[in-house]
Amino acid sequence: MPTYRVLVNGKFDHPDAETRARLLAELSHHQAIGFTEDGLFTYSAHLGAFTYRITLQGEEERDVLDEAELKVMELLEAKGYPYRDMAGKATCMDDIKIRRR
């Protein structure tokens, strides 16, 4: 089964003062960069946009994108973070060719 790296970008949708305070308090836990099987949720102190990076396996790119978007929506809703304008991109790691000198 092909392995995909999926990047989902979105925006916070006008979080209230309490939500902004929680996001800023958790900021240091959301600064890592990379792709993991559990997914990494990252954002900056400006609280405009967020990124979710995850490695998934699947037969179809669309299925993998849908799964990643559902995972980030579940995460955001569980925390009570308002969001909007989500879009994902998937890269099949099996299609990447490494050029060597």
Protein backbone atom coordinates (compact mmCIF):
# COMPACT_ATOMS: atom_id res chain seq x y z
CA MET A 1 0.00 0.00 0.00
CA PRO A 2 1.45 3.42 -0.94
CA THR A 3 2.65 5.78 1.80
CA TYR A 4 1.59 9.42 1.66
CA ARG A 5 2.75 12.51 3.47
CA VAL A 6 -0.28 14.74 3.94
CA LEU A 7 -0.17 18.44 4.75
CA VAL A 8 -3.44 20.07 5.84
CA ASN A 9 -3.50 23.87 6.16
CA GLY A 10 -6.27 25.89 7.74
CA LYS A 11 -7.09 29.04 9.65
CA PHE A 12 -8.38 29.65 13.14
CA ASP A 13 -11.85 31.21 12.88
CA HIS A 14 -11.79 34.19 15.25
CA PRO A 15 -11.07 32.40 18.54
CA ASP A 16 -12.44 34.16 21.63
CA ALA A 17 -10.14 35.46 24.39
CA GLU A 18 -10.29 32.24 26.43
CA THR A 19 -9.48 30.06 23.41
CA ARG A 20 -6.63 32.39 22.39
CA ALA A 21 -5.19 32.10 25.90
CA ARG A 22 -5.34 28.27 25.74
CA LEU A 23 -3.73 28.23 22.29
CA LEU A 24 -0.91 30.51 23.46
CA ALA A 25 -0.40 28.44 26.63
CA GLU A 26 0.02 25.29 24.49
CA LEU A 27 2.16 26.97 21.83
CA SER A 28 5.46 25.42 22.92
CA HIS A 29 3.98 21.94 22.40
CA HIS A 30 3.02 22.75 18.80
CA GLN A 31 6.28 23.95 17.28
CA ALA A 32 7.73 20.68 15.93
CA ILE A 33 8.16 20.22 12.20
CA GLY A 34 7.97 16.95 10.32
CA PHE A 35 5.58 14.16 9.44
CA THR A 36 4.57 11.42 11.89
CA GLU A 37 2.06 8.58 11.91
CA ASP A 38 0.22 10.27 14.79
CA GLY A 39 0.23 13.68 13.11
CA LEU A 40 1.80 16.99 14.14
CA PHE A 41 -0.37 20.05 14.74
CA THR A 42 1.58 23.31 14.48
CA TYR A 43 0.81 27.02 14.60
CA SER A 44 2.49 30.31 15.42
CA ALA A 45 1.85 32.86 18.17
CA HIS A 46 0.02 35.05 15.69
CA LEU A 47 -2.84 32.43 15.74
CA GLY A 48 -3.85 33.04 12.15
CA ALA A 49 -3.18 29.71 10.49
CA PHE A 50 -2.32 26.15 11.47
CA THR A 51 -0.73 23.14 9.79
CA TYR A 52 -1.28 19.44 10.37
CA ARG A 53 1.31 16.99 9.02
CA ILE A 54 0.73 13.24 8.99
CA THR A 55 2.03 10.10 7.28
CA LEU A 56 -0.72 7.73 6.13
CA GLN A 57 -1.03 4.65 3.96
CA GLY A 58 -3.83 4.19 1.47
CA GLU A 59 -4.73 3.10 -2.03
CA GLU A 60 -6.19 6.41 -3.23
CA GLU A 61 -4.88 9.93 -2.67
CA ARG A 62 -8.41 11.30 -2.12
CA ASP A 63 -9.08 8.74 0.65
CA VAL A 64 -5.84 9.69 2.40
CA LEU A 65 -6.65 13.40 2.14
CA ASP A 66 -10.13 12.82 3.57
CA GLU A 67 -8.72 10.77 6.46
CA ALA A 68 -6.16 13.47 7.33
CA GLU A 69 -8.77 16.24 7.20
CA LEU A 70 -11.10 14.24 9.45
CA LYS A 71 -8.30 13.67 11.96
CA VAL A 72 -7.47 17.38 12.21
CA MET A 73 -11.18 18.32 12.43
CA GLU A 74 -11.65 15.83 15.30
CA LEU A 75 -8.59 17.27 17.06
CA LEU A 76 -9.79 20.86 16.67
CA GLU A 77 -13.36 20.09 17.73
CA ALA A 78 -12.20 18.09 20.77
CA LYS A 79 -10.18 21.11 21.93
CA GLY A 80 -12.93 23.59 21.04
CA TYR A 81 -10.80 25.49 18.52
CA PRO A 82 -12.82 27.21 15.77
CA TYR A 83 -11.46 26.69 12.26
CA ARG A 84 -12.14 27.44 8.60
CA ASP A 85 -10.61 27.24 5.11
CA MET A 86 -8.99 23.82 5.43
CA ALA A 87 -7.24 22.32 2.42
CA GLY A 88 -4.90 19.38 2.14
CA LYS A 89 -2.15 18.18 -0.18
CA ALA A 90 -0.78 14.65 -0.35
CA THR A 91 2.55 13.45 -1.71
CA CYS A 92 3.04 9.77 -2.52
CA MET A 93 6.44 8.82 -1.13
CA ASP A 94 6.63 5.80 -3.46
CA ASP A 95 6.65 8.16 -6.48
CA ILE A 96 9.59 10.25 -5.28
CA LYS A 97 12.82 9.55 -7.11
CA ILE A 98 16.13 10.36 -5.49
CA ARG A 99 18.86 11.56 -7.83
CA ARG A 100 22.35 10.68 -6.83
CA ARG A 101 25.47 12.26 -8.23
